[in-house]
Amino acid sequence: MRFSPSATRALLVVLAFVSSVLAGVVAGVLSYANGALAPGAVLYGGGALVAWMTLSLMVMGALGWLDGADSGTSSASRQNVGS
């Protein structure tokens, strides 16, 4: 079974979001277990969620997984500039 490039990108973004939620929940629970009050733990978990989502999307973009190169357009990151 072959997915379209836009469906693949959507699945990658959903994967990044789900892993970000997991990282945020773990960070919030660990912060709460370390003695932080509930509002502080929620803020800590939210910060972890945002940081992990940003990192995930940046890495996926740097690897070329999120660009439109599969649809016939070429991106600067995929071109061989040296030759």
Protein backbone atom coordinates (compact mmCIF):
# COMPACT_ATOMS: atom_id res chain seq x y z
CA MET A 1 0.00 0.00 0.00
CA ARG A 2 1.38 3.41 -1.00
CA PHE A 3 0.39 6.65 0.72
CA SER A 4 0.29 10.01 -0.99
CA PRO A 5 3.01 12.49 0.06
CA SER A 6 0.49 14.72 1.81
CA ALA A 7 -0.90 11.77 3.79
CA THR A 8 2.62 10.76 4.77
CA ARG A 9 3.41 14.29 5.96
CA ALA A 10 0.16 14.38 7.94
CA LEU A 11 1.00 11.08 9.61
CA LEU A 12 4.48 12.35 10.50
CA VAL A 13 3.03 15.50 12.08
CA VAL A 14 0.53 13.39 14.05
CA LEU A 15 3.39 11.15 15.19
CA ALA A 16 5.35 14.21 16.31
CA PHE A 17 2.31 15.51 18.21
CA VAL A 18 1.59 12.20 19.96
CA SER A 19 5.22 11.79 21.01
CA SER A 20 5.18 15.41 22.23
CA VAL A 21 2.12 14.76 24.36
CA LEU A 22 3.82 11.70 25.83
CA ALA A 23 6.98 13.68 26.60
CA GLY A 24 4.91 16.46 28.17
CA VAL A 25 2.95 14.08 30.37
CA VAL A 26 6.11 12.32 31.55
CA ALA A 27 7.84 15.64 32.27
CA GLY A 28 4.81 16.95 34.16
CA VAL A 29 4.47 13.81 36.26
CA LEU A 30 8.17 13.78 37.07
CA SER A 31 8.03 17.45 38.00
CA TYR A 32 5.05 16.84 40.27
CA ALA A 33 6.77 13.85 41.86
CA ASN A 34 9.80 16.06 42.51
CA GLY A 35 7.68 18.38 44.68
CA ALA A 36 6.28 20.97 42.29
CA LEU A 37 2.71 22.11 42.77
CA ALA A 38 0.16 20.99 40.18
CA PRO A 39 0.07 24.29 38.22
CA GLY A 40 3.87 24.35 38.02
CA ALA A 41 3.96 20.73 36.89
CA VAL A 42 1.41 21.48 34.16
CA LEU A 43 3.49 24.43 32.95
CA TYR A 44 6.63 22.28 33.00
CA GLY A 45 4.89 19.57 30.99
CA GLY A 46 3.57 22.14 28.54
CA GLY A 47 7.04 23.50 28.02
CA ALA A 48 8.34 20.00 27.37
CA LEU A 49 5.53 19.42 24.87
CA VAL A 50 6.35 22.59 22.95
CA ALA A 51 10.09 21.90 23.01
CA TRP A 52 9.71 18.30 21.82
CA MET A 53 7.22 19.24 19.08
CA THR A 54 9.54 21.96 17.82
CA LEU A 55 12.54 19.66 17.86
CA SER A 56 10.63 16.86 16.13
CA LEU A 57 9.36 19.07 13.31
CA MET A 58 12.75 20.70 12.85
CA VAL A 59 14.50 17.33 12.55
CA MET A 60 11.86 16.00 10.16
CA GLY A 61 12.17 19.16 8.08
CA ALA A 62 15.97 18.95 8.05
CA LEU A 63 15.77 15.35 6.87
CA GLY A 64 13.46 16.44 4.06
CA TRP A 65 10.50 14.39 5.27
CA LEU A 66 8.11 17.34 5.36
CA ASP A 67 8.97 19.17 2.14
CA GLY A 68 7.15 18.81 -1.16
CA ALA A 69 10.01 17.13 -3.04
CA ASP A 70 7.93 14.00 -3.57
CA SER A 71 5.38 15.88 -5.64
CA GLY A 72 7.82 16.87 -8.36
CA THR A 73 9.25 20.07 -6.93
CA SER A 74 12.84 20.13 -5.79
CA SER A 75 14.02 21.82 -2.64
CA ALA A 76 17.34 23.53 -2.02
CA SER A 77 18.19 21.00 0.69
CA ARG A 78 18.00 18.11 -1.78
CA GLN A 79 20.06 19.71 -4.57
CA ASN A 80 23.72 18.88 -4.93
CA VAL A 81 25.22 22.33 -4.69
CA GLY A 82 28.83 21.16 -5.02
CA SER A 83 28.61 19.99 -8.63
